[in-house]
Amino acid sequence: ILFFAQDIYPLAFPKSECSLNAFAKHCRDEFKVDILQGAKPLSELLSSENKPELIMEGLLRIGDQMTIFAWRGEGKSMFALLLALCFANGHKALDGRVCPSRKYSVLLIDGEMPPSSLKERARSITTGLGLSEEAAEEIMVRSSVAEKKDLWLDTDTGWSDLLPDLENAEIIIIDSMFKIFPSSMSNELSNTTALNKFYDWCRKHEKTGIIFDHR
């Protein structure tokens, strides 16, 4: 945005064309007044000096969120468990495409798998990765089957129940969307409200959220 600054402030900008950002900077420097209120030039935005930690090559960094879609029976739950084991143990896999640089605190929220099946699959994956069986102990799990109750993140009660575990995790893996966010199966326009609330919470708290969906 350009304007003739001398029309507003002739002594500081005699007969010169000035950008709004330059004029705003002058006001901040001279008078400690911000005429742009909350808006700032891109160059003045605060940014972290830390380089984002890549955990999936070309796809995911710590603090990012993603939803993984596939048909039933394609191995989503196995992949979810493999990611959880790799992230929790700082173990690379799939020719380096899964590439954690350290151990992370991982929470797996499972909505449908019997505990015996989870353990059997974990043993199979750790063997295939060359990890010890104790590697599975690094994952924290909330299981609706084991706890014999619904673990829903689209109700206030569900949020209150899961929040302490969410806060203690760096990476949250949910299997699957329709079990933990049942309202997402609705055809109503509000069917993404709970999912967006979860992802917004993850962004604000610098959590990595990965949700698997059967649809």
N, C-alpha and C. Protein backbone atom coordinates (compact mmCIF):
# COMPACT_ATOMS: atom_id res chain seq x y z
N ILE A 1 0.86 -1.18 0.00
CA ILE A 1 0.00 0.00 0.00
C ILE A 1 0.89 1.22 0.00
N LEU A 2 0.71 2.10 -0.97
CA LEU A 2 1.51 3.32 -1.06
C LEU A 2 0.62 4.53 -0.87
N PHE A 3 1.14 5.57 -0.27
CA PHE A 3 0.42 6.82 -0.13
C PHE A 3 1.43 7.94 -0.02
N PHE A 4 0.96 9.16 -0.13
CA PHE A 4 1.85 10.30 0.00
C PHE A 4 1.93 10.68 1.47
N ALA A 5 3.04 10.27 2.09
CA ALA A 5 3.17 10.42 3.53
C ALA A 5 3.21 11.88 3.96
N GLN A 6 3.66 12.79 3.07
CA GLN A 6 3.76 14.17 3.49
C GLN A 6 2.39 14.79 3.74
N ASP A 7 1.34 14.18 3.16
CA ASP A 7 -0.01 14.67 3.44
C ASP A 7 -0.41 14.41 4.87
N ILE A 8 0.21 13.35 5.49
CA ILE A 8 -0.12 13.00 6.86
C ILE A 8 0.94 13.53 7.82
N TYR A 9 2.19 13.45 7.41
CA TYR A 9 3.30 13.77 8.31
C TYR A 9 4.38 14.46 7.47
N PRO A 10 4.17 15.72 7.11
CA PRO A 10 5.05 16.38 6.14
C PRO A 10 6.48 16.57 6.59
N LEU A 11 6.77 16.68 7.88
CA LEU A 11 8.14 16.92 8.32
C LEU A 11 9.01 15.67 8.18
N ALA A 12 8.43 14.53 8.45
CA ALA A 12 9.21 13.28 8.39
C ALA A 12 9.33 12.77 6.96
N PHE A 13 8.32 13.01 6.14
CA PHE A 13 8.33 12.50 4.78
C PHE A 13 8.03 13.63 3.79
N PRO A 14 8.95 14.57 3.62
CA PRO A 14 8.69 15.69 2.70
C PRO A 14 8.65 15.22 1.26
N LYS A 15 7.50 15.42 0.61
CA LYS A 15 7.33 15.16 -0.81
C LYS A 15 7.88 13.80 -1.23
N SER A 16 7.49 12.78 -0.53
CA SER A 16 7.96 11.44 -0.87
C SER A 16 6.83 10.44 -0.80
N GLU A 17 6.95 9.42 -1.65
CA GLU A 17 5.99 8.33 -1.62
C GLU A 17 6.48 7.29 -0.63
N CYS A 18 5.58 6.77 0.20
CA CYS A 18 6.02 5.89 1.30
C CYS A 18 5.09 4.70 1.39
N SER A 19 5.64 3.53 1.71
CA SER A 19 4.80 2.36 1.94
C SER A 19 4.20 2.44 3.33
N LEU A 20 3.06 1.81 3.47
CA LEU A 20 2.39 1.80 4.78
C LEU A 20 3.27 1.15 5.84
N ASN A 21 3.98 0.08 5.46
CA ASN A 21 4.85 -0.60 6.42
C ASN A 21 5.97 0.31 6.90
N ALA A 22 6.55 1.09 5.98
CA ALA A 22 7.62 2.01 6.37
C ALA A 22 7.10 3.08 7.31
N PHE A 23 5.91 3.62 7.00
CA PHE A 23 5.33 4.64 7.87
C PHE A 23 4.99 4.06 9.24
N ALA A 24 4.46 2.82 9.25
CA ALA A 24 4.14 2.18 10.52
C ALA A 24 5.40 1.95 11.36
N LYS A 25 6.50 1.56 10.70
CA LYS A 25 7.76 1.36 11.42
C LYS A 25 8.25 2.68 12.02
N HIS A 26 8.11 3.77 11.26
CA HIS A 26 8.51 5.07 11.78
C HIS A 26 7.70 5.43 13.02
N CYS A 27 6.40 5.17 12.98
CA CYS A 27 5.54 5.47 14.13
C CYS A 27 5.93 4.63 15.34
N ARG A 28 6.27 3.36 15.10
CA ARG A 28 6.70 2.52 16.22
C ARG A 28 8.01 3.01 16.80
N ASP A 29 8.98 3.34 15.91
CA ASP A 29 10.30 3.75 16.38
C ASP A 29 10.27 5.09 17.08
N GLU A 30 9.50 6.05 16.54
CA GLU A 30 9.52 7.41 17.07
C GLU A 30 8.55 7.61 18.23
N PHE A 31 7.39 7.01 18.13
CA PHE A 31 6.33 7.32 19.10
C PHE A 31 5.81 6.11 19.88
N LYS A 32 6.37 4.91 19.59
CA LYS A 32 5.91 3.68 20.25
C LYS A 32 4.42 3.44 20.03
N VAL A 33 3.95 3.80 18.86
CA VAL A 33 2.55 3.62 18.50
C VAL A 33 2.49 2.67 17.30
N ASP A 34 1.63 1.67 17.38
CA ASP A 34 1.51 0.70 16.30
C ASP A 34 0.22 0.97 15.54
N ILE A 35 0.33 1.61 14.37
CA ILE A 35 -0.87 1.95 13.61
C ILE A 35 -1.45 0.74 12.89
N LEU A 36 -0.66 -0.36 12.80
CA LEU A 36 -1.16 -1.58 12.16
C LEU A 36 -1.76 -2.55 13.16
N GLN A 37 -1.84 -2.15 14.42
CA GLN A 37 -2.38 -2.98 15.49
C GLN A 37 -1.67 -4.33 15.52
N GLY A 38 -2.39 -5.43 15.33
CA GLY A 38 -1.77 -6.74 15.44
C GLY A 38 -0.97 -7.17 14.23
N ALA A 39 -1.20 -6.52 13.10
CA ALA A 39 -0.51 -6.91 11.88
C ALA A 39 0.92 -6.40 11.86
N LYS A 40 1.82 -7.20 11.30
CA LYS A 40 3.23 -6.84 11.20
C LYS A 40 3.75 -7.23 9.82
N PRO A 41 4.79 -6.54 9.35
CA PRO A 41 5.43 -6.99 8.11
C PRO A 41 6.00 -8.40 8.29
N LEU A 42 6.03 -9.17 7.24
CA LEU A 42 6.49 -10.55 7.31
C LEU A 42 7.88 -10.65 7.93
N SER A 43 8.76 -9.69 7.56
CA SER A 43 10.14 -9.73 8.05
C SER A 43 10.24 -9.56 9.55
N GLU A 44 9.18 -9.00 10.19
CA GLU A 44 9.22 -8.74 11.62
C GLU A 44 8.55 -9.83 12.45
N LEU A 45 7.97 -10.84 11.79
CA LEU A 45 7.32 -11.90 12.54
C LEU A 45 8.36 -12.72 13.29
N LEU A 46 8.04 -13.03 14.56
CA LEU A 46 8.95 -13.84 15.36
C LEU A 46 8.91 -15.27 14.86
N SER A 47 10.05 -15.89 14.77
CA SER A 47 10.12 -17.29 14.35
C SER A 47 11.12 -18.02 15.24
N SER A 48 10.93 -19.32 15.34
CA SER A 48 11.83 -20.13 16.16
C SER A 48 13.17 -20.29 15.47
N GLU A 49 14.22 -20.28 16.26
CA GLU A 49 15.56 -20.50 15.72
C GLU A 49 15.84 -21.99 15.53
N ASN A 50 14.99 -22.83 16.12
CA ASN A 50 15.19 -24.28 16.04
C ASN A 50 14.66 -24.81 14.71
N LYS A 51 15.45 -25.66 14.08
CA LYS A 51 15.03 -26.28 12.83
C LYS A 51 14.00 -27.36 13.14
N PRO A 52 12.84 -27.36 12.47
CA PRO A 52 11.82 -28.37 12.74
C PRO A 52 12.37 -29.79 12.59
N GLU A 53 12.00 -30.67 13.50
CA GLU A 53 12.49 -32.04 13.50
C GLU A 53 11.65 -32.89 12.55
N LEU A 54 12.27 -33.40 11.51
CA LEU A 54 11.58 -34.24 10.53
C LEU A 54 11.44 -35.64 11.08
N ILE A 55 10.22 -36.18 11.03
CA ILE A 55 10.01 -37.56 11.50
C ILE A 55 9.50 -38.49 10.41
N MET A 56 8.98 -37.92 9.31
CA MET A 56 8.64 -38.71 8.12
C MET A 56 9.11 -37.92 6.92
N GLU A 57 10.00 -38.50 6.17
CA GLU A 57 10.67 -37.78 5.09
C GLU A 57 9.68 -37.16 4.11
N GLY A 58 9.79 -35.82 3.98
CA GLY A 58 8.96 -35.10 3.03
C GLY A 58 7.51 -34.97 3.42
N LEU A 59 7.12 -35.48 4.60
CA LEU A 59 5.71 -35.50 4.97
C LEU A 59 5.39 -34.85 6.31
N LEU A 60 6.20 -35.12 7.32
CA LEU A 60 5.77 -34.76 8.66
C LEU A 60 6.94 -34.35 9.53
N ARG A 61 6.73 -33.22 10.24
CA ARG A 61 7.69 -32.73 11.22
C ARG A 61 7.01 -32.68 12.59
N ILE A 62 7.81 -32.62 13.63
CA ILE A 62 7.25 -32.46 14.97
C ILE A 62 6.44 -31.17 15.02
N GLY A 63 5.22 -31.27 15.52
CA GLY A 63 4.33 -30.12 15.57
C GLY A 63 3.34 -30.06 14.43
N ASP A 64 3.53 -30.95 13.42
CA ASP A 64 2.60 -31.02 12.29
C ASP A 64 1.44 -31.97 12.61
N GLN A 65 0.40 -31.90 11.77
CA GLN A 65 -0.73 -32.82 11.89
C GLN A 65 -1.04 -33.41 10.53
N MET A 66 -1.51 -34.65 10.53
CA MET A 66 -1.88 -35.27 9.27
C MET A 66 -2.96 -36.32 9.49
N THR A 67 -3.75 -36.54 8.44
CA THR A 67 -4.75 -37.62 8.43
C THR A 67 -4.37 -38.60 7.33
N ILE A 68 -4.36 -39.88 7.66
CA ILE A 68 -3.99 -40.92 6.69
C ILE A 68 -5.24 -41.72 6.35
N PHE A 69 -5.58 -41.76 5.06
CA PHE A 69 -6.77 -42.45 4.58
C PHE A 69 -6.39 -43.71 3.81
N ALA A 70 -7.18 -44.76 3.98
CA ALA A 70 -7.02 -45.97 3.16
C ALA A 70 -8.25 -46.85 3.37
N TRP A 71 -8.44 -47.80 2.46
CA TRP A 71 -9.55 -48.75 2.58
C TRP A 71 -9.31 -49.68 3.76
N ARG A 72 -10.36 -50.27 4.23
CA ARG A 72 -10.25 -51.31 5.27
C ARG A 72 -9.38 -52.46 4.76
N GLY A 73 -8.58 -53.02 5.68
CA GLY A 73 -7.79 -54.18 5.33
C GLY A 73 -6.49 -53.88 4.61
N GLU A 74 -6.16 -52.60 4.46
CA GLU A 74 -4.93 -52.23 3.75
C GLU A 74 -3.72 -52.14 4.68
N GLY A 75 -3.91 -52.33 5.99
CA GLY A 75 -2.79 -52.33 6.91
C GLY A 75 -2.58 -51.03 7.67
N LYS A 76 -3.64 -50.23 7.79
CA LYS A 76 -3.52 -48.94 8.49
C LYS A 76 -3.15 -49.12 9.95
N SER A 77 -3.79 -50.06 10.62
CA SER A 77 -3.52 -50.26 12.05
C SER A 77 -2.09 -50.78 12.27
N MET A 78 -1.62 -51.62 11.39
CA MET A 78 -0.23 -52.08 11.48
C MET A 78 0.73 -50.91 11.26
N PHE A 79 0.40 -50.06 10.30
CA PHE A 79 1.25 -48.89 10.01
C PHE A 79 1.23 -47.92 11.19
N ALA A 80 0.05 -47.75 11.80
CA ALA A 80 -0.05 -46.87 12.97
C ALA A 80 0.84 -47.37 14.09
N LEU A 81 0.82 -48.68 14.32
CA LEU A 81 1.63 -49.26 15.38
C LEU A 81 3.12 -49.19 15.04
N LEU A 82 3.46 -49.39 13.77
CA LEU A 82 4.85 -49.28 13.35
C LEU A 82 5.37 -47.86 13.60
N LEU A 83 4.58 -46.85 13.23
CA LEU A 83 4.99 -45.47 13.47
C LEU A 83 5.17 -45.21 14.96
N ALA A 84 4.23 -45.70 15.76
CA ALA A 84 4.32 -45.48 17.21
C ALA A 84 5.60 -46.10 17.77
N LEU A 85 5.93 -47.32 17.35
CA LEU A 85 7.14 -47.99 17.83
C LEU A 85 8.40 -47.26 17.38
N CYS A 86 8.42 -46.82 16.13
CA CYS A 86 9.60 -46.11 15.61
C CYS A 86 9.80 -44.78 16.33
N PHE A 87 8.74 -44.01 16.46
CA PHE A 87 8.86 -42.70 17.09
C PHE A 87 9.24 -42.82 18.56
N ALA A 88 8.65 -43.80 19.25
CA ALA A 88 8.91 -43.95 20.69
C ALA A 88 10.32 -44.46 20.96
N ASN A 89 10.91 -45.14 19.98
CA ASN A 89 12.25 -45.72 20.18
C ASN A 89 13.33 -45.01 19.38
N GLY A 90 12.97 -43.95 18.67
CA GLY A 90 13.95 -43.24 17.85
C GLY A 90 14.55 -44.13 16.77
N HIS A 91 13.71 -44.98 16.18
CA HIS A 91 14.19 -46.00 15.24
C HIS A 91 13.75 -45.66 13.82
N LYS A 92 14.66 -45.65 12.89
CA LYS A 92 14.34 -45.38 11.49
C LYS A 92 13.82 -46.65 10.81
N ALA A 93 12.95 -46.45 9.80
CA ALA A 93 12.37 -47.59 9.09
C ALA A 93 11.99 -47.17 7.67
N LEU A 94 11.61 -48.17 6.88
CA LEU A 94 11.17 -47.97 5.50
C LEU A 94 12.21 -47.19 4.71
N ASP A 95 13.44 -47.68 4.74
CA ASP A 95 14.55 -47.07 4.00
C ASP A 95 14.75 -45.61 4.38
N GLY A 96 14.52 -45.31 5.65
CA GLY A 96 14.76 -43.95 6.14
C GLY A 96 13.61 -42.99 5.94
N ARG A 97 12.50 -43.46 5.37
CA ARG A 97 11.36 -42.57 5.18
C ARG A 97 10.70 -42.24 6.52
N VAL A 98 10.72 -43.17 7.44
CA VAL A 98 10.35 -42.89 8.83
C VAL A 98 11.66 -42.59 9.54
N CYS A 99 11.84 -41.34 9.95
CA CYS A 99 13.19 -40.91 10.32
C CYS A 99 13.26 -40.08 11.60
N PRO A 100 12.78 -40.61 12.72
CA PRO A 100 12.93 -39.85 13.97
C PRO A 100 14.40 -39.73 14.35
N SER A 101 14.77 -38.56 14.88
CA SER A 101 16.17 -38.33 15.27
C SER A 101 16.42 -38.62 16.74
N ARG A 102 15.34 -38.91 17.49
CA ARG A 102 15.46 -39.21 18.92
C ARG A 102 14.21 -39.95 19.37
N LYS A 103 14.16 -40.31 20.63
CA LYS A 103 12.96 -40.92 21.19
C LYS A 103 11.94 -39.83 21.53
N TYR A 104 10.68 -40.10 21.20
CA TYR A 104 9.60 -39.18 21.52
C TYR A 104 8.60 -39.86 22.45
N SER A 105 7.91 -39.06 23.22
CA SER A 105 6.81 -39.61 24.03
C SER A 105 5.59 -39.76 23.12
N VAL A 106 5.12 -41.00 23.00
CA VAL A 106 4.07 -41.33 22.04
C VAL A 106 2.84 -41.86 22.76
N LEU A 107 1.67 -41.32 22.39
CA LEU A 107 0.40 -41.83 22.88
C LEU A 107 -0.37 -42.42 21.71
N LEU A 108 -0.74 -43.70 21.83
CA LEU A 108 -1.58 -44.36 20.84
C LEU A 108 -2.98 -44.51 21.42
N ILE A 109 -3.95 -43.91 20.77
CA ILE A 109 -5.35 -44.06 21.19
C ILE A 109 -6.01 -45.01 20.21
N ASP A 110 -6.34 -46.21 20.68
CA ASP A 110 -6.88 -47.26 19.82
C ASP A 110 -8.36 -47.48 20.15
N GLY A 111 -9.18 -47.44 19.11
CA GLY A 111 -10.61 -47.55 19.33
C GLY A 111 -11.23 -48.88 19.03
N GLU A 112 -10.44 -49.87 18.56
CA GLU A 112 -11.09 -51.10 18.11
C GLU A 112 -10.29 -52.39 18.25
N MET A 113 -9.01 -52.31 18.60
CA MET A 113 -8.17 -53.51 18.59
C MET A 113 -8.14 -54.17 19.97
N PRO A 114 -8.39 -55.47 20.07
CA PRO A 114 -8.23 -56.17 21.35
C PRO A 114 -6.77 -56.08 21.81
N PRO A 115 -6.54 -55.95 23.12
CA PRO A 115 -5.16 -55.84 23.63
C PRO A 115 -4.26 -56.98 23.18
N SER A 116 -4.80 -58.21 23.11
CA SER A 116 -3.97 -59.34 22.69
C SER A 116 -3.49 -59.17 21.25
N SER A 117 -4.35 -58.63 20.40
CA SER A 117 -3.95 -58.39 19.01
C SER A 117 -2.91 -57.28 18.91
N LEU A 118 -3.08 -56.24 19.72
CA LEU A 118 -2.10 -55.14 19.74
C LEU A 118 -0.73 -55.67 20.14
N LYS A 119 -0.70 -56.49 21.18
CA LYS A 119 0.57 -57.03 21.66
C LYS A 119 1.20 -57.96 20.63
N GLU A 120 0.38 -58.80 20.01
CA GLU A 120 0.90 -59.74 19.00
C GLU A 120 1.48 -58.98 17.81
N ARG A 121 0.77 -57.94 17.39
CA ARG A 121 1.27 -57.14 16.27
C ARG A 121 2.55 -56.39 16.65
N ALA A 122 2.59 -55.89 17.88
CA ALA A 122 3.80 -55.19 18.33
C ALA A 122 5.00 -56.13 18.33
N ARG A 123 4.80 -57.38 18.76
CA ARG A 123 5.90 -58.36 18.74
C ARG A 123 6.36 -58.62 17.31
N SER A 124 5.41 -58.73 16.39
CA SER A 124 5.76 -58.98 14.99
C SER A 124 6.55 -57.81 14.40
N ILE A 125 6.12 -56.59 14.72
CA ILE A 125 6.78 -55.41 14.17
C ILE A 125 8.17 -55.22 14.78
N THR A 126 8.28 -55.38 16.10
CA THR A 126 9.59 -55.20 16.72
C THR A 126 10.59 -56.23 16.22
N THR A 127 10.12 -57.45 15.98
CA THR A 127 11.00 -58.48 15.41
C THR A 127 11.46 -58.07 14.02
N GLY A 128 10.53 -57.59 13.21
CA GLY A 128 10.87 -57.18 11.86
C GLY A 128 11.81 -55.98 11.83
N LEU A 129 11.69 -55.11 12.82
CA LEU A 129 12.56 -53.92 12.89
C LEU A 129 13.90 -54.21 13.55
N GLY A 130 14.02 -55.39 14.15
CA GLY A 130 15.24 -55.71 14.87
C GLY A 130 15.30 -55.08 16.25
N LEU A 131 14.14 -54.75 16.80
CA LEU A 131 14.06 -54.18 18.15
C LEU A 131 13.72 -55.28 19.15
N SER A 132 14.04 -55.05 20.39
CA SER A 132 13.67 -56.00 21.44
C SER A 132 12.18 -55.86 21.75
N GLU A 133 11.60 -56.89 22.37
CA GLU A 133 10.19 -56.83 22.73
C GLU A 133 9.91 -55.70 23.71
N GLU A 134 10.94 -55.32 24.49
CA GLU A 134 10.77 -54.24 25.46
C GLU A 134 10.52 -52.90 24.78
N ALA A 135 10.78 -52.81 23.48
CA ALA A 135 10.56 -51.55 22.75
C ALA A 135 9.10 -51.12 22.83
N ALA A 136 8.19 -52.11 22.93
CA ALA A 136 6.77 -51.78 23.00
C ALA A 136 6.41 -51.07 24.30
N GLU A 137 7.26 -51.23 25.33
CA GLU A 137 6.99 -50.57 26.61
C GLU A 137 7.14 -49.06 26.51
N GLU A 138 7.76 -48.58 25.44
CA GLU A 138 7.97 -47.14 25.28
C GLU A 138 6.70 -46.41 24.85
N ILE A 139 5.70 -47.16 24.37
CA ILE A 139 4.45 -46.54 23.90
C ILE A 139 3.43 -46.50 25.03
N MET A 140 2.79 -45.34 25.19
CA MET A 140 1.65 -45.24 26.10
C MET A 140 0.37 -45.47 25.28
N VAL A 141 -0.54 -46.30 25.80
CA VAL A 141 -1.73 -46.70 25.04
C VAL A 141 -2.99 -46.43 25.84
N ARG A 142 -3.99 -45.86 25.15
CA ARG A 142 -5.36 -45.84 25.67
C ARG A 142 -6.18 -46.70 24.72
N SER A 143 -6.79 -47.73 25.26
CA SER A 143 -7.53 -48.70 24.46
C SER A 143 -8.98 -48.76 24.92
N SER A 144 -9.90 -48.46 24.00
CA SER A 144 -11.31 -48.51 24.36
C SER A 144 -11.76 -49.93 24.64
N VAL A 145 -11.13 -50.92 23.97
CA VAL A 145 -11.50 -52.32 24.21
C VAL A 145 -11.01 -52.77 25.58
N ALA A 146 -9.76 -52.45 25.90
CA ALA A 146 -9.21 -52.85 27.20
C ALA A 146 -9.93 -52.14 28.36
N GLU A 147 -10.28 -50.86 28.14
CA GLU A 147 -10.93 -50.10 29.21
C GLU A 147 -12.44 -50.29 29.23
N LYS A 148 -12.95 -50.99 28.20
CA LYS A 148 -14.37 -51.29 28.08
C LYS A 148 -15.23 -50.03 28.15
N LYS A 149 -14.80 -49.01 27.39
CA LYS A 149 -15.57 -47.77 27.33
C LYS A 149 -15.18 -47.03 26.06
N ASP A 150 -16.05 -46.11 25.67
CA ASP A 150 -15.76 -45.29 24.50
C ASP A 150 -14.73 -44.22 24.87
N LEU A 151 -13.79 -44.01 23.97
CA LEU A 151 -12.81 -42.94 24.12
C LEU A 151 -13.10 -41.93 23.01
N TRP A 152 -13.93 -40.95 23.33
CA TRP A 152 -14.39 -40.01 22.33
C TRP A 152 -13.79 -38.63 22.56
N LEU A 153 -13.27 -38.06 21.49
CA LEU A 153 -12.74 -36.70 21.56
C LEU A 153 -13.72 -35.67 20.99
N ASP A 154 -14.97 -36.07 20.82
CA ASP A 154 -15.96 -35.10 20.39
C ASP A 154 -17.02 -34.86 21.47
N THR A 155 -16.65 -35.20 22.73
CA THR A 155 -17.50 -34.87 23.87
C THR A 155 -16.62 -34.23 24.96
N ASP A 156 -17.22 -33.40 25.78
CA ASP A 156 -16.48 -32.77 26.88
C ASP A 156 -15.96 -33.82 27.86
N THR A 157 -16.78 -34.86 28.11
CA THR A 157 -16.36 -35.92 29.03
C THR A 157 -15.14 -36.66 28.48
N GLY A 158 -15.17 -36.95 27.18
CA GLY A 158 -14.04 -37.63 26.55
C GLY A 158 -12.77 -36.80 26.59
N TRP A 159 -12.91 -35.50 26.34
CA TRP A 159 -11.74 -34.61 26.40
C TRP A 159 -11.14 -34.60 27.80
N SER A 160 -12.00 -34.48 28.81
CA SER A 160 -11.52 -34.44 30.19
C SER A 160 -10.79 -35.72 30.55
N ASP A 161 -11.31 -36.85 30.06
CA ASP A 161 -10.70 -38.15 30.35
C ASP A 161 -9.32 -38.29 29.69
N LEU A 162 -9.22 -37.87 28.44
CA LEU A 162 -7.98 -38.09 27.67
C LEU A 162 -6.96 -36.97 27.80
N LEU A 163 -7.39 -35.80 28.27
CA LEU A 163 -6.51 -34.63 28.27
C LEU A 163 -5.18 -34.84 29.00
N PRO A 164 -5.14 -35.44 30.20
CA PRO A 164 -3.84 -35.63 30.86
C PRO A 164 -2.86 -36.43 30.01
N ASP A 165 -3.35 -37.45 29.31
CA ASP A 165 -2.47 -38.26 28.46
C ASP A 165 -2.06 -37.48 27.22
N LEU A 166 -2.97 -36.69 26.66
CA LEU A 166 -2.63 -35.86 25.51
C LEU A 166 -1.53 -34.87 25.86
N GLU A 167 -1.64 -34.28 27.03
CA GLU A 167 -0.66 -33.27 27.45
C GLU A 167 0.72 -33.87 27.67
N ASN A 168 0.78 -35.13 28.06
CA ASN A 168 2.08 -35.77 28.34
C ASN A 168 2.76 -36.32 27.09
N ALA A 169 2.09 -36.28 25.96
CA ALA A 169 2.64 -36.86 24.73
C ALA A 169 3.17 -35.77 23.80
N GLU A 170 4.21 -36.13 23.05
CA GLU A 170 4.68 -35.26 21.97
C GLU A 170 4.02 -35.64 20.66
N ILE A 171 3.77 -36.94 20.49
CA ILE A 171 3.14 -37.45 19.27
C ILE A 171 1.90 -38.24 19.66
N ILE A 172 0.76 -37.91 19.05
CA ILE A 172 -0.51 -38.56 19.34
C ILE A 172 -0.99 -39.26 18.08
N ILE A 173 -1.17 -40.57 18.16
CA ILE A 173 -1.62 -41.37 17.02
C ILE A 173 -2.99 -41.94 17.35
N ILE A 174 -3.96 -41.71 16.48
CA ILE A 174 -5.34 -42.13 16.72
C ILE A 174 -5.78 -43.12 15.65
N ASP A 175 -6.27 -44.28 16.07
CA ASP A 175 -6.75 -45.32 15.17
C ASP A 175 -8.09 -45.82 15.72
N SER A 176 -9.18 -45.42 15.16
CA SER A 176 -9.30 -44.68 13.92
C SER A 176 -10.26 -43.51 14.14
N MET A 177 -10.43 -42.69 13.10
CA MET A 177 -11.22 -41.48 13.23
C MET A 177 -12.66 -41.76 13.66
N PHE A 178 -13.30 -42.73 13.00
CA PHE A 178 -14.73 -42.91 13.27
C PHE A 178 -15.00 -43.51 14.65
N LYS A 179 -13.96 -44.09 15.29
CA LYS A 179 -14.12 -44.61 16.64
C LYS A 179 -13.88 -43.54 17.70
N ILE A 180 -12.95 -42.63 17.45
CA ILE A 180 -12.60 -41.61 18.44
C ILE A 180 -13.35 -40.31 18.18
N PHE A 181 -13.74 -40.08 16.91
CA PHE A 181 -14.54 -38.91 16.53
C PHE A 181 -15.81 -39.40 15.82
N PRO A 182 -16.73 -40.06 16.52
CA PRO A 182 -17.89 -40.63 15.83
C PRO A 182 -18.74 -39.59 15.12
N SER A 183 -18.74 -38.35 15.58
CA SER A 183 -19.53 -37.32 14.92
C SER A 183 -19.01 -37.02 13.52
N SER A 184 -17.76 -37.42 13.23
CA SER A 184 -17.18 -37.16 11.90
C SER A 184 -17.85 -38.01 10.83
N MET A 185 -18.61 -39.03 11.24
CA MET A 185 -19.30 -39.89 10.26
C MET A 185 -20.60 -39.27 9.78
N SER A 186 -21.03 -38.20 10.44
CA SER A 186 -22.28 -37.55 10.06
C SER A 186 -22.12 -36.83 8.72
N ASN A 187 -23.25 -36.67 8.03
CA ASN A 187 -23.25 -35.89 6.79
C ASN A 187 -23.52 -34.42 7.02
N GLU A 188 -23.70 -34.04 8.29
CA GLU A 188 -23.96 -32.64 8.60
C GLU A 188 -22.70 -31.80 8.38
N LEU A 189 -22.91 -30.49 8.18
CA LEU A 189 -21.79 -29.59 7.97
C LEU A 189 -20.88 -29.51 9.18
N SER A 190 -21.41 -29.85 10.36
CA SER A 190 -20.64 -29.75 11.59
C SER A 190 -19.78 -30.99 11.85
N ASN A 191 -19.71 -31.92 10.89
CA ASN A 191 -19.05 -33.19 11.16
C ASN A 191 -17.54 -33.06 11.33
N THR A 192 -16.96 -31.92 10.97
CA THR A 192 -15.51 -31.74 11.15
C THR A 192 -15.17 -30.90 12.37
N THR A 193 -16.17 -30.48 13.13
CA THR A 193 -15.93 -29.57 14.26
C THR A 193 -14.98 -30.18 15.28
N ALA A 194 -15.26 -31.41 15.71
CA ALA A 194 -14.43 -32.04 16.74
C ALA A 194 -13.03 -32.33 16.23
N LEU A 195 -12.94 -32.75 14.97
CA LEU A 195 -11.62 -33.02 14.39
C LEU A 195 -10.80 -31.74 14.31
N ASN A 196 -11.41 -30.65 13.87
CA ASN A 196 -10.70 -29.38 13.80
C ASN A 196 -10.29 -28.89 15.19
N LYS A 197 -11.14 -29.12 16.18
CA LYS A 197 -10.81 -28.73 17.55
C LYS A 197 -9.55 -29.48 18.02
N PHE A 198 -9.49 -30.78 17.72
CA PHE A 198 -8.32 -31.56 18.12
C PHE A 198 -7.07 -31.07 17.43
N TYR A 199 -7.13 -30.86 16.12
CA TYR A 199 -5.95 -30.39 15.39
C TYR A 199 -5.55 -28.98 15.83
N ASP A 200 -6.52 -28.12 16.11
CA ASP A 200 -6.21 -26.77 16.62
C ASP A 200 -5.49 -26.87 17.96
N TRP A 201 -5.98 -27.77 18.82
CA TRP A 201 -5.34 -27.96 20.13
C TRP A 201 -3.90 -28.45 19.93
N CYS A 202 -3.69 -29.37 19.01
CA CYS A 202 -2.34 -29.88 18.74
C CYS A 202 -1.42 -28.75 18.27
N ARG A 203 -1.91 -27.91 17.36
CA ARG A 203 -1.08 -26.81 16.86
C ARG A 203 -0.70 -25.85 17.97
N LYS A 204 -1.67 -25.48 18.81
CA LYS A 204 -1.41 -24.52 19.88
C LYS A 204 -0.44 -25.07 20.92
N HIS A 205 -0.44 -26.39 21.11
CA HIS A 205 0.41 -27.02 22.12
C HIS A 205 1.63 -27.71 21.51
N GLU A 206 1.86 -27.47 20.21
CA GLU A 206 3.03 -28.01 19.49
C GLU A 206 3.09 -29.54 19.59
N LYS A 207 1.93 -30.16 19.43
CA LYS A 207 1.84 -31.62 19.42
C LYS A 207 1.72 -32.11 17.98
N THR A 208 2.28 -33.27 17.72
CA THR A 208 2.10 -33.92 16.43
C THR A 208 0.88 -34.83 16.52
N GLY A 209 -0.07 -34.64 15.64
CA GLY A 209 -1.27 -35.46 15.63
C GLY A 209 -1.39 -36.23 14.33
N ILE A 210 -1.57 -37.55 14.44
CA ILE A 210 -1.74 -38.40 13.25
C ILE A 210 -3.02 -39.21 13.44
N ILE A 211 -3.96 -39.04 12.53
CA ILE A 211 -5.24 -39.74 12.63
C ILE A 211 -5.40 -40.65 11.42
N PHE A 212 -5.77 -41.91 11.68
CA PHE A 212 -6.02 -42.87 10.62
C PHE A 212 -7.53 -42.96 10.40
N ASP A 213 -7.92 -43.00 9.12
CA ASP A 213 -9.34 -43.03 8.80
C ASP A 213 -9.59 -44.14 7.79
N HIS A 214 -10.70 -44.86 8.00
CA HIS A 214 -11.05 -45.98 7.13
C HIS A 214 -11.76 -45.56 5.86
N ARG A 215 -12.18 -44.28 5.81
CA ARG A 215 -13.01 -43.90 4.66
C ARG A 215 -12.14 -43.55 3.46
